[in-house]
Every structure is written in C-alpha cells, then in structure tokens.
Amino acid sequence: MDIKKLQNKYLPLTEAAYYILISLNEPRHGYGIMQHVEKLTNGRIKIGAGTMYGNLSRMEKEGLITSVAEEDRKKIYGLSEKGKIVLKLELERLEELIEHGKNEMRN
C-alpha cells in the first residue's frame, strides 16, 4: 500500500473515527463501540447513532474495517490490515504533535 496516499486520504482522522478504529482492536458491534468509547473517555465522548453508523458504513466501503460476524442481527466489525496501517499512521502523527508541543512549551 502506498503510505503517502493513505496519509493524504485519511489523515487527520476525526475524533469519532479515531475512537471507532481503536475500539475495533477487538471485534465489536456498533452499540458496543459506542459503549466502549464512552467508558474509555470517561464519558467525554458519546458517539451518536448517526455518527457511528455513518462512519462504520464509510469505513467498511473504504476497506478500513470488515464485517467479521453477525450476532443477534448485529453486525460485528473488526479492523482490516488497511485500517491498522491508517491507525498506526494517525498514532505517529499524534505523537509528533505531542512531541512538538512539549518541546515548544519548554522554551
């Protein structure tokens, strides 16, 4: 995969997209992702159903996530290899932002 193309197309991720992708480090359905994000962020982020399912639909079409199973009429999603690469690139971008911010605040 062309890393530059992935960076240009997907980065920076929205906060909702970022949390959806990290939540799919293990397979989850949409509502499970919503609960996980709320718990992970101590209630700071509550992803609404429209945002959640819009993101899941787009991410699945673009190959960032895949449907891995269906359970009680709920689609279970997982991170694809492409999604893992995009998430890794975003984490590197965020780490760079933090490093630059810390360095500048020391001056």
PDB file of N, CA and C in Angstrom:
ATOM      1  N   MET A   1       0.830  -1.190   0.000  1.00  0.00           N
ATOM      2  CA  MET A   1       0.000   0.000   0.000  1.00  0.00           C
ATOM      3  C   MET A   1       0.870   1.248   0.000  1.00  0.00           C
ATOM      4  N   ASP A   2       0.415   2.238  -0.691  1.00  0.00           N
ATOM      5  CA  ASP A   2       1.144   3.496  -0.779  1.00  0.00           C
ATOM      6  C   ASP A   2       0.829   4.333   0.468  1.00  0.00           C
ATOM      7  N   ILE A   3       1.820   4.441   1.344  1.00  0.00           N
ATOM      8  CA  ILE A   3       1.646   5.140   2.617  1.00  0.00           C
ATOM      9  C   ILE A   3       1.246   6.605   2.409  1.00  0.00           C
ATOM     10  N   LYS A   4       1.893   7.281   1.471  1.00  0.00           N
ATOM     11  CA  LYS A   4       1.590   8.697   1.208  1.00  0.00           C
ATOM     12  C   LYS A   4       0.118   8.876   0.805  1.00  0.00           C
ATOM     13  N   LYS A   5      -0.376   7.973  -0.049  1.00  0.00           N
ATOM     14  CA  LYS A   5      -1.780   8.062  -0.480  1.00  0.00           C
ATOM     15  C   LYS A   5      -2.723   7.874   0.708  1.00  0.00           C
ATOM     16  N   LEU A   6      -2.387   6.912   1.578  1.00  0.00           N
ATOM     17  CA  LEU A   6      -3.218   6.672   2.759  1.00  0.00           C
ATOM     18  C   LEU A   6      -3.212   7.900   3.677  1.00  0.00           C
ATOM     19  N   GLN A   7      -2.028   8.490   3.880  1.00  0.00           N
ATOM     20  CA  GLN A   7      -1.931   9.685   4.718  1.00  0.00           C
ATOM     21  C   GLN A   7      -2.767  10.821   4.144  1.00  0.00           C
ATOM     22  N   ASN A   8      -2.618  11.050   2.852  1.00  0.00           N
ATOM     23  CA  ASN A   8      -3.337  12.149   2.209  1.00  0.00           C
ATOM     24  C   ASN A   8      -4.851  11.937   2.223  1.00  0.00           C
ATOM     25  N   LYS A   9      -5.275  10.694   2.081  1.00  0.00           N
ATOM     26  CA  LYS A   9      -6.709  10.417   2.006  1.00  0.00           C
ATOM     27  C   LYS A   9      -7.393  10.403   3.378  1.00  0.00           C
ATOM     28  N   TYR A  10      -6.724   9.866   4.387  1.00  0.00           N
ATOM     29  CA  TYR A  10      -7.397   9.611   5.660  1.00  0.00           C
ATOM     30  C   TYR A  10      -6.985  10.497   6.832  1.00  0.00           C
ATOM     31  N   LEU A  11      -5.810  11.099   6.773  1.00  0.00           N
ATOM     32  CA  LEU A  11      -5.337  11.855   7.932  1.00  0.00           C
ATOM     33  C   LEU A  11      -5.559  13.344   7.765  1.00  0.00           C
ATOM     34  N   PRO A  12      -5.863  14.044   8.814  1.00  0.00           N
ATOM     35  CA  PRO A  12      -6.096  13.550  10.167  1.00  0.00           C
ATOM     36  C   PRO A  12      -7.482  12.910  10.279  1.00  0.00           C
ATOM     37  N   LEU A  13      -7.580  11.924  11.155  1.00  0.00           N
ATOM     38  CA  LEU A  13      -8.870  11.297  11.431  1.00  0.00           C
ATOM     39  C   LEU A  13      -9.689  12.227  12.309  1.00  0.00           C
ATOM     40  N   THR A  14     -11.000  12.152  12.166  1.00  0.00           N
ATOM     41  CA  THR A  14     -11.846  12.856  13.127  1.00  0.00           C
ATOM     42  C   THR A  14     -11.720  12.119  14.456  1.00  0.00           C
ATOM     43  N   GLU A  15     -12.082  12.794  15.520  1.00  0.00           N
ATOM     44  CA  GLU A  15     -12.001  12.157  16.833  1.00  0.00           C
ATOM     45  C   GLU A  15     -12.896  10.914  16.887  1.00  0.00           C
ATOM     46  N   ALA A  16     -14.089  11.006  16.305  1.00  0.00           N
ATOM     47  CA  ALA A  16     -15.001   9.852  16.294  1.00  0.00           C
ATOM     48  C   ALA A  16     -14.390   8.694  15.513  1.00  0.00           C
ATOM     49  N   ALA A  17     -13.836   8.972  14.338  1.00  0.00           N
ATOM     50  CA  ALA A  17     -13.231   7.909  13.523  1.00  0.00           C
ATOM     51  C   ALA A  17     -12.060   7.276  14.250  1.00  0.00           C
ATOM     52  N   TYR A  18     -11.256   8.095  14.902  1.00  0.00           N
ATOM     53  CA  TYR A  18     -10.106   7.587  15.664  1.00  0.00           C
ATOM     54  C   TYR A  18     -10.569   6.613  16.749  1.00  0.00           C
ATOM     55  N   TYR A  19     -11.562   7.032  17.523  1.00  0.00           N
ATOM     56  CA  TYR A  19     -12.036   6.172  18.612  1.00  0.00           C
ATOM     57  C   TYR A  19     -12.740   4.920  18.101  1.00  0.00           C
ATOM     58  N   ILE A  20     -13.418   5.016  16.980  1.00  0.00           N
ATOM     59  CA  ILE A  20     -14.031   3.820  16.392  1.00  0.00           C
ATOM     60  C   ILE A  20     -12.937   2.830  16.004  1.00  0.00           C
ATOM     61  N   LEU A  21     -11.907   3.309  15.333  1.00  0.00           N
ATOM     62  CA  LEU A  21     -10.829   2.405  14.902  1.00  0.00           C
ATOM     63  C   LEU A  21     -10.107   1.776  16.087  1.00  0.00           C
ATOM     64  N   ILE A  22      -9.779   2.570  17.116  1.00  0.00           N
ATOM     65  CA  ILE A  22      -9.071   1.943  18.242  1.00  0.00           C
ATOM     66  C   ILE A  22      -9.979   0.982  18.998  1.00  0.00           C
ATOM     67  N   SER A  23     -11.285   1.243  18.978  1.00  0.00           N
ATOM     68  CA  SER A  23     -12.226   0.324  19.630  1.00  0.00           C
ATOM     69  C   SER A  23     -12.284  -1.015  18.916  1.00  0.00           C
ATOM     70  N   LEU A  24     -11.975  -1.002  17.618  1.00  0.00           N
ATOM     71  CA  LEU A  24     -12.040  -2.240  16.846  1.00  0.00           C
ATOM     72  C   LEU A  24     -10.736  -3.024  16.913  1.00  0.00           C
ATOM     73  N   ASN A  25      -9.916  -2.695  17.892  1.00  0.00           N
ATOM     74  CA  ASN A  25      -8.745  -3.519  18.183  1.00  0.00           C
ATOM     75  C   ASN A  25      -9.220  -4.933  18.534  1.00  0.00           C
ATOM     76  N   GLU A  26     -10.449  -5.012  19.020  1.00  0.00           N
ATOM     77  CA  GLU A  26     -11.119  -6.305  19.165  1.00  0.00           C
ATOM     78  C   GLU A  26     -12.502  -6.168  18.545  1.00  0.00           C
ATOM     79  N   PRO A  27     -13.027  -7.225  17.954  1.00  0.00           N
ATOM     80  CA  PRO A  27     -14.305  -7.139  17.238  1.00  0.00           C
ATOM     81  C   PRO A  27     -15.448  -6.650  18.138  1.00  0.00           C
ATOM     82  N   ARG A  28     -16.238  -5.744  17.588  1.00  0.00           N
ATOM     83  CA  ARG A  28     -17.377  -5.183  18.324  1.00  0.00           C
ATOM     84  C   ARG A  28     -18.478  -4.794  17.342  1.00  0.00           C
ATOM     85  N   HIS A  29     -19.706  -4.723  17.831  1.00  0.00           N
ATOM     86  CA  HIS A  29     -20.818  -4.177  17.046  1.00  0.00           C
ATOM     87  C   HIS A  29     -20.934  -2.696  17.370  1.00  0.00           C
ATOM     88  N   GLY A  30     -21.737  -1.984  16.588  1.00  0.00           N
ATOM     89  CA  GLY A  30     -21.846  -0.537  16.717  1.00  0.00           C
ATOM     90  C   GLY A  30     -22.154  -0.055  18.119  1.00  0.00           C
ATOM     91  N   TYR A  31     -23.160  -0.645  18.744  1.00  0.00           N
ATOM     92  CA  TYR A  31     -23.530  -0.215  20.092  1.00  0.00           C
ATOM     93  C   TYR A  31     -22.398  -0.508  21.076  1.00  0.00           C
ATOM     94  N   GLY A  32     -21.727  -1.637  20.886  1.00  0.00           N
ATOM     95  CA  GLY A  32     -20.583  -1.985  21.737  1.00  0.00           C
ATOM     96  C   GLY A  32     -19.451  -0.976  21.605  1.00  0.00           C
ATOM     97  N   ILE A  33     -19.252  -0.474  20.384  1.00  0.00           N
ATOM     98  CA  ILE A  33     -18.229   0.557  20.155  1.00  0.00           C
ATOM     99  C   ILE A  33     -18.628   1.833  20.900  1.00  0.00           C
ATOM    100  N   MET A  34     -19.901   2.204  20.791  1.00  0.00           N
ATOM    101  CA  MET A  34     -20.385   3.411  21.465  1.00  0.00           C
ATOM    102  C   MET A  34     -20.146   3.316  22.974  1.00  0.00           C
ATOM    103  N   GLN A  35     -20.452   2.177  23.557  1.00  0.00           N
ATOM    104  CA  GLN A  35     -20.255   1.977  24.990  1.00  0.00           C
ATOM    105  C   GLN A  35     -18.768   2.013  25.347  1.00  0.00           C
ATOM    106  N   HIS A  36     -17.954   1.363  24.524  1.00  0.00           N
ATOM    107  CA  HIS A  36     -16.516   1.301  24.780  1.00  0.00           C
ATOM    108  C   HIS A  36     -15.895   2.697  24.752  1.00  0.00           C
ATOM    109  N   VAL A  37     -16.256   3.494  23.770  1.00  0.00           N
ATOM    110  CA  VAL A  37     -15.706   4.854  23.642  1.00  0.00           C
ATOM    111  C   VAL A  37     -16.123   5.705  24.838  1.00  0.00           C
ATOM    112  N   GLU A  38     -17.370   5.612  25.224  1.00  0.00           N
ATOM    113  CA  GLU A  38     -17.834   6.394  26.372  1.00  0.00           C
ATOM    114  C   GLU A  38     -17.078   6.001  27.644  1.00  0.00           C
ATOM    115  N   LYS A  39     -16.880   4.704  27.828  1.00  0.00           N
ATOM    116  CA  LYS A  39     -16.144   4.220  29.004  1.00  0.00           C
ATOM    117  C   LYS A  39     -14.670   4.641  28.929  1.00  0.00           C
ATOM    118  N   LEU A  40     -14.067   4.459  27.777  1.00  0.00           N
ATOM    119  CA  LEU A  40     -12.651   4.777  27.572  1.00  0.00           C
ATOM    120  C   LEU A  40     -12.362   6.250  27.844  1.00  0.00           C
ATOM    121  N   THR A  41     -13.289   7.119  27.457  1.00  0.00           N
ATOM    122  CA  THR A  41     -13.083   8.563  27.595  1.00  0.00           C
ATOM    123  C   THR A  41     -13.753   9.126  28.854  1.00  0.00           C
ATOM    124  N   ASN A  42     -14.166   8.248  29.757  1.00  0.00           N
ATOM    125  CA  ASN A  42     -14.851   8.668  30.990  1.00  0.00           C
ATOM    126  C   ASN A  42     -16.037   9.582  30.703  1.00  0.00           C
ATOM    127  N   GLY A  43     -16.756   9.265  29.635  1.00  0.00           N
ATOM    128  CA  GLY A  43     -17.967   9.996  29.292  1.00  0.00           C
ATOM    129  C   GLY A  43     -17.744  11.281  28.506  1.00  0.00           C
ATOM    130  N   ARG A  44     -16.490  11.631  28.224  1.00  0.00           N
ATOM    131  CA  ARG A  44     -16.208  12.860  27.472  1.00  0.00           C
ATOM    132  C   ARG A  44     -16.749  12.770  26.053  1.00  0.00           C
ATOM    133  N   ILE A  45     -16.666  11.587  25.458  1.00  0.00           N
ATOM    134  CA  ILE A  45     -17.141  11.402  24.086  1.00  0.00           C
ATOM    135  C   ILE A  45     -18.280  10.396  24.085  1.00  0.00           C
ATOM    136  N   LYS A  46     -19.394  10.853  23.541  1.00  0.00           N
ATOM    137  CA  LYS A  46     -20.554   9.985  23.352  1.00  0.00           C
ATOM    138  C   LYS A  46     -20.867  10.036  21.865  1.00  0.00           C
ATOM    139  N   ILE A  47     -20.579   8.960  21.172  1.00  0.00           N
ATOM    140  CA  ILE A  47     -20.822   8.919  19.735  1.00  0.00           C
ATOM    141  C   ILE A  47     -22.292   8.571  19.504  1.00  0.00           C
ATOM    142  N   GLY A  48     -22.976   9.432  18.789  1.00  0.00           N
ATOM    143  CA  GLY A  48     -24.381   9.205  18.481  1.00  0.00           C
ATOM    144  C   GLY A  48     -24.550   8.143  17.402  1.00  0.00           C
ATOM    145  N   ALA A  49     -25.747   7.608  17.306  1.00  0.00           N
ATOM    146  CA  ALA A  49     -26.024   6.527  16.355  1.00  0.00           C
ATOM    147  C   ALA A  49     -25.758   6.957  14.911  1.00  0.00           C
ATOM    148  N   GLY A  50     -26.169   8.154  14.530  1.00  0.00           N
ATOM    149  CA  GLY A  50     -25.953   8.624  13.162  1.00  0.00           C
ATOM    150  C   GLY A  50     -24.481   8.712  12.821  1.00  0.00           C
ATOM    151  N   THR A  51     -23.697   9.272  13.738  1.00  0.00           N
ATOM    152  CA  THR A  51     -22.246   9.379  13.541  1.00  0.00           C
ATOM    153  C   THR A  51     -21.624   7.985  13.474  1.00  0.00           C
ATOM    154  N   MET A  52     -22.045   7.129  14.383  1.00  0.00           N
ATOM    155  CA  MET A  52     -21.480   5.775  14.453  1.00  0.00           C
ATOM    156  C   MET A  52     -21.743   5.006  13.160  1.00  0.00           C
ATOM    157  N   TYR A  53     -22.995   4.917  12.766  1.00  0.00           N
ATOM    158  CA  TYR A  53     -23.320   4.073  11.629  1.00  0.00           C
ATOM    159  C   TYR A  53     -22.906   4.700  10.302  1.00  0.00           C
ATOM    160  N   GLY A  54     -22.855   6.017  10.240  1.00  0.00           N
ATOM    161  CA  GLY A  54     -22.304   6.682   9.058  1.00  0.00           C
ATOM    162  C   GLY A  54     -20.827   6.375   8.887  1.00  0.00           C
ATOM    163  N   ASN A  55     -20.085   6.448   9.997  1.00  0.00           N
ATOM    164  CA  ASN A  55     -18.659   6.130   9.969  1.00  0.00           C
ATOM    165  C   ASN A  55     -18.422   4.659   9.642  1.00  0.00           C
ATOM    166  N   LEU A  56     -19.169   3.773  10.271  1.00  0.00           N
ATOM    167  CA  LEU A  56     -18.983   2.336  10.020  1.00  0.00           C
ATOM    168  C   LEU A  56     -19.241   2.004   8.553  1.00  0.00           C
ATOM    169  N   SER A  57     -20.304   2.563   8.000  1.00  0.00           N
ATOM    170  CA  SER A  57     -20.640   2.316   6.597  1.00  0.00           C
ATOM    171  C   SER A  57     -19.521   2.799   5.678  1.00  0.00           C
ATOM    172  N   ARG A  58     -19.048   4.028   5.906  1.00  0.00           N
ATOM    173  CA  ARG A  58     -17.980   4.602   5.078  1.00  0.00           C
ATOM    174  C   ARG A  58     -16.681   3.810   5.237  1.00  0.00           C
ATOM    175  N   MET A  59     -16.344   3.479   6.475  1.00  0.00           N
ATOM    176  CA  MET A  59     -15.099   2.748   6.729  1.00  0.00           C
ATOM    177  C   MET A  59     -15.125   1.352   6.106  1.00  0.00           C
ATOM    178  N   GLU A  60     -16.291   0.728   6.139  1.00  0.00           N
ATOM    179  CA  GLU A  60     -16.399  -0.605   5.538  1.00  0.00           C
ATOM    180  C   GLU A  60     -16.262  -0.510   4.018  1.00  0.00           C
ATOM    181  N   LYS A  61     -16.918   0.474   3.403  1.00  0.00           N
ATOM    182  CA  LYS A  61     -16.808   0.666   1.952  1.00  0.00           C
ATOM    183  C   LYS A  61     -15.372   0.942   1.526  1.00  0.00           C
ATOM    184  N   GLU A  62     -14.648   1.684   2.357  1.00  0.00           N
ATOM    185  CA  GLU A  62     -13.277   2.051   2.026  1.00  0.00           C
ATOM    186  C   GLU A  62     -12.255   0.994   2.441  1.00  0.00           C
ATOM    187  N   GLY A  63     -12.714  -0.075   3.071  1.00  0.00           N
ATOM    188  CA  GLY A  63     -11.828  -1.178   3.413  1.00  0.00           C
ATOM    189  C   GLY A  63     -11.001  -0.981   4.673  1.00  0.00           C
ATOM    190  N   LEU A  64     -11.396  -0.027   5.531  1.00  0.00           N
ATOM    191  CA  LEU A  64     -10.678   0.183   6.789  1.00  0.00           C
ATOM    192  C   LEU A  64     -11.125  -0.811   7.854  1.00  0.00           C
ATOM    193  N   ILE A  65     -12.369  -1.250   7.744  1.00  0.00           N
ATOM    194  CA  ILE A  65     -12.911  -2.245   8.664  1.00  0.00           C
ATOM    195  C   ILE A  65     -13.615  -3.323   7.840  1.00  0.00           C
ATOM    196  N   THR A  66     -13.836  -4.441   8.469  1.00  0.00           N
ATOM    197  CA  THR A  66     -14.560  -5.527   7.813  1.00  0.00           C
ATOM    198  C   THR A  66     -15.619  -6.076   8.757  1.00  0.00           C
ATOM    199  N   SER A  67     -16.643  -6.633   8.171  1.00  0.00           N
ATOM    200  CA  SER A  67     -17.656  -7.324   8.954  1.00  0.00           C
ATOM    201  C   SER A  67     -17.105  -8.720   9.234  1.00  0.00           C
ATOM    202  N   VAL A  68     -17.009  -9.086  10.501  1.00  0.00           N
ATOM    203  CA  VAL A  68     -16.413 -10.381  10.844  1.00  0.00           C
ATOM    204  C   VAL A  68     -17.448 -11.418  11.265  1.00  0.00           C
ATOM    205  N   ALA A  69     -18.646 -10.955  11.653  1.00  0.00           N
ATOM    206  CA  ALA A  69     -19.701 -11.883  12.074  1.00  0.00           C
ATOM    207  C   ALA A  69     -21.011 -11.117  12.212  1.00  0.00           C
ATOM    208  N   GLU A  70     -22.072 -11.876  12.438  1.00  0.00           N
ATOM    209  CA  GLU A  70     -23.356 -11.276  12.762  1.00  0.00           C
ATOM    210  C   GLU A  70     -23.918 -12.043  13.941  1.00  0.00           C
ATOM    211  N   GLU A  71     -24.371 -11.301  14.941  1.00  0.00           N
ATOM    212  CA  GLU A  71     -24.839 -11.907  16.179  1.00  0.00           C
ATOM    213  C   GLU A  71     -26.122 -11.213  16.602  1.00  0.00           C
ATOM    214  N   ASP A  72     -27.189 -11.939  16.726  1.00  0.00           N
ATOM    215  CA  ASP A  72     -28.483 -11.357  17.100  1.00  0.00           C
ATOM    216  C   ASP A  72     -28.830 -10.143  16.237  1.00  0.00           C
ATOM    217  N   ARG A  73     -28.680 -10.278  14.929  1.00  0.00           N
ATOM    218  CA  ARG A  73     -28.946  -9.226  13.940  1.00  0.00           C
ATOM    219  C   ARG A  73     -28.015  -8.022  14.082  1.00  0.00           C
ATOM    220  N   LYS A  74     -26.927  -8.171  14.832  1.00  0.00           N
ATOM    221  CA  LYS A  74     -25.948  -7.096  14.978  1.00  0.00           C
ATOM    222  C   LYS A  74     -24.691  -7.476  14.197  1.00  0.00           C
ATOM    223  N   LYS A  75     -24.250  -6.562  13.371  1.00  0.00           N
ATOM    224  CA  LYS A  75     -23.045  -6.775  12.585  1.00  0.00           C
ATOM    225  C   LYS A  75     -21.835  -6.498  13.477  1.00  0.00           C
ATOM    226  N   ILE A  76     -20.908  -7.438  13.489  1.00  0.00           N
ATOM    227  CA  ILE A  76     -19.686  -7.294  14.289  1.00  0.00           C
ATOM    228  C   ILE A  76     -18.562  -6.911  13.339  1.00  0.00           C
ATOM    229  N   TYR A  77     -17.837  -5.860  13.699  1.00  0.00           N
ATOM    230  CA  TYR A  77     -16.771  -5.327  12.853  1.00  0.00           C
ATOM    231  C   TYR A  77     -15.401  -5.577  13.466  1.00  0.00           C
ATOM    232  N   GLY A  78     -14.421  -5.635  12.589  1.00  0.00           N
ATOM    233  CA  GLY A  78     -13.028  -5.729  13.008  1.00  0.00           C
ATOM    234  C   GLY A  78     -12.184  -4.830  12.121  1.00  0.00           C
ATOM    235  N   LEU A  79     -10.996  -4.570  12.570  1.00  0.00           N
ATOM    236  CA  LEU A  79     -10.056  -3.716  11.848  1.00  0.00           C
ATOM    237  C   LEU A  79      -9.401  -4.519  10.721  1.00  0.00           C
ATOM    238  N   SER A  80      -9.370  -3.965   9.522  1.00  0.00           N
ATOM    239  CA  SER A  80      -8.687  -4.617   8.396  1.00  0.00           C
ATOM    240  C   SER A  80      -7.203  -4.248   8.451  1.00  0.00           C
ATOM    241  N   GLU A  81      -6.405  -4.870   7.612  1.00  0.00           N
ATOM    242  CA  GLU A  81      -4.977  -4.526   7.544  1.00  0.00           C
ATOM    243  C   GLU A  81      -4.805  -3.066   7.144  1.00  0.00           C
ATOM    244  N   LYS A  82      -5.606  -2.613   6.191  1.00  0.00           N
ATOM    245  CA  LYS A  82      -5.556  -1.213   5.765  1.00  0.00           C
ATOM    246  C   LYS A  82      -5.921  -0.299   6.936  1.00  0.00           C
ATOM    247  N   GLY A  83      -6.929  -0.670   7.693  1.00  0.00           N
ATOM    248  CA  GLY A  83      -7.334   0.105   8.858  1.00  0.00           C
ATOM    249  C   GLY A  83      -6.242   0.168   9.906  1.00  0.00           C
ATOM    250  N   LYS A  84      -5.539  -0.938  10.101  1.00  0.00           N
ATOM    251  CA  LYS A  84      -4.429  -0.963  11.062  1.00  0.00           C
ATOM    252  C   LYS A  84      -3.320  -0.017  10.629  1.00  0.00           C
ATOM    253  N   ILE A  85      -3.043   0.022   9.344  1.00  0.00           N
ATOM    254  CA  ILE A  85      -1.999   0.915   8.829  1.00  0.00           C
ATOM    255  C   ILE A  85      -2.412   2.370   9.026  1.00  0.00           C
ATOM    256  N   VAL A  86      -3.657   2.693   8.686  1.00  0.00           N
ATOM    257  CA  VAL A  86      -4.149   4.068   8.851  1.00  0.00           C
ATOM    258  C   VAL A  86      -4.110   4.465  10.327  1.00  0.00           C
ATOM    259  N   LEU A  87      -4.518   3.573  11.209  1.00  0.00           N
ATOM    260  CA  LEU A  87      -4.490   3.868  12.640  1.00  0.00           C
ATOM    261  C   LEU A  87      -3.055   4.079  13.123  1.00  0.00           C
ATOM    262  N   LYS A  88      -2.130   3.271  12.658  1.00  0.00           N
ATOM    263  CA  LYS A  88      -0.709   3.421  13.029  1.00  0.00           C
ATOM    264  C   LYS A  88      -0.177   4.774  12.545  1.00  0.00           C
ATOM    265  N   LEU A  89      -0.529   5.159  11.327  1.00  0.00           N
ATOM    266  CA  LEU A  89      -0.100   6.450  10.789  1.00  0.00           C
ATOM    267  C   LEU A  89      -0.670   7.603  11.613  1.00  0.00           C
ATOM    268  N   GLU A  90      -1.921   7.471  12.030  1.00  0.00           N
ATOM    269  CA  GLU A  90      -2.542   8.518  12.848  1.00  0.00           C
ATOM    270  C   GLU A  90      -1.870   8.599  14.218  1.00  0.00           C
ATOM    271  N   LEU A  91      -1.555   7.464  14.808  1.00  0.00           N
ATOM    272  CA  LEU A  91      -0.869   7.469  16.102  1.00  0.00           C
ATOM    273  C   LEU A  91       0.497   8.142  15.987  1.00  0.00           C
ATOM    274  N   GLU A  92       1.210   7.872  14.909  1.00  0.00           N
ATOM    275  CA  GLU A  92       2.511   8.521  14.684  1.00  0.00           C
ATOM    276  C   GLU A  92       2.337  10.030  14.524  1.00  0.00           C
ATOM    277  N   ARG A  93       1.297  10.449  13.812  1.00  0.00           N
ATOM    278  CA  ARG A  93       1.018  11.871  13.613  1.00  0.00           C
ATOM    279  C   ARG A  93       0.707  12.545  14.942  1.00  0.00           C
ATOM    280  N   LEU A  94      -0.111  11.890  15.763  1.00  0.00           N
ATOM    281  CA  LEU A  94      -0.471  12.452  17.063  1.00  0.00           C
ATOM    282  C   LEU A  94       0.734  12.526  17.997  1.00  0.00           C
ATOM    283  N   GLU A  95       1.575  11.498  17.974  1.00  0.00           N
ATOM    284  CA  GLU A  95       2.800  11.511  18.788  1.00  0.00           C
ATOM    285  C   GLU A  95       3.711  12.669  18.389  1.00  0.00           C
ATOM    286  N   GLU A  96       3.796  12.934  17.094  1.00  0.00           N
ATOM    287  CA  GLU A  96       4.604  14.054  16.613  1.00  0.00           C
ATOM    288  C   GLU A  96       4.038  15.381  17.124  1.00  0.00           C
ATOM    289  N   LEU A  97       2.712  15.524  17.079  1.00  0.00           N
ATOM    290  CA  LEU A  97       2.075  16.738  17.597  1.00  0.00           C
ATOM    291  C   LEU A  97       2.408  16.943  19.072  1.00  0.00           C
ATOM    292  N   ILE A  98       2.300  15.884  19.845  1.00  0.00           N
ATOM    293  CA  ILE A  98       2.580  15.973  21.280  1.00  0.00           C
ATOM    294  C   ILE A  98       4.047  16.322  21.518  1.00  0.00           C
ATOM    295  N   GLU A  99       4.939  15.665  20.804  1.00  0.00           N
ATOM    296  CA  GLU A  99       6.368  15.927  20.955  1.00  0.00           C
ATOM    297  C   GLU A  99       6.692  17.386  20.632  1.00  0.00           C
ATOM    298  N   HIS A 100       6.158  17.887  19.536  1.00  0.00           N
ATOM    299  CA  HIS A 100       6.412  19.281  19.163  1.00  0.00           C
ATOM    300  C   HIS A 100       5.845  20.241  20.204  1.00  0.00           C
ATOM    301  N   GLY A 101       4.652  19.959  20.681  1.00  0.00           N
ATOM    302  CA  GLY A 101       4.031  20.806  21.694  1.00  0.00           C
ATOM    303  C   GLY A 101       4.845  20.848  22.978  1.00  0.00           C
ATOM    304  N   LYS A 102       5.282  19.678  23.436  1.00  0.00           N
ATOM    305  CA  LYS A 102       6.101  19.620  24.658  1.00  0.00           C
ATOM    306  C   LYS A 102       7.408  20.353  24.479  1.00  0.00           C
ATOM    307  N   ASN A 103       8.049  20.146  23.322  1.00  0.00           N
ATOM    308  CA  ASN A 103       9.323  20.828  23.064  1.00  0.00           C
ATOM    309  C   ASN A 103       9.154  22.343  23.050  1.00  0.00           C
ATOM    310  N   GLU A 104       8.094  22.815  22.423  1.00  0.00           N
ATOM    311  CA  GLU A 104       7.869  24.257  22.336  1.00  0.00           C
ATOM    312  C   GLU A 104       7.509  24.848  23.697  1.00  0.00           C
ATOM    313  N   MET A 105       6.802  24.112  24.513  1.00  0.00           N
ATOM    314  CA  MET A 105       6.398  24.621  25.826  1.00  0.00           C
ATOM    315  C   MET A 105       7.582  24.692  26.789  1.00  0.00           C
ATOM    316  N   ARG A 106       8.649  23.968  26.497  1.00  0.00           N
ATOM    317  CA  ARG A 106       9.862  24.027  27.317  1.00  0.00           C
ATOM    318  C   ARG A 106      10.643  25.311  27.077  1.00  0.00           C
ATOM    319  N   ASN A 107      10.431  25.939  25.929  1.00  0.00           N
ATOM    320  CA  ASN A 107      11.186  27.151  25.569  1.00  0.00           C
ATOM    321  C   ASN A 107      10.715  28.364  26.335  1.00  0.00           C
TER     322      ASN A 107
END
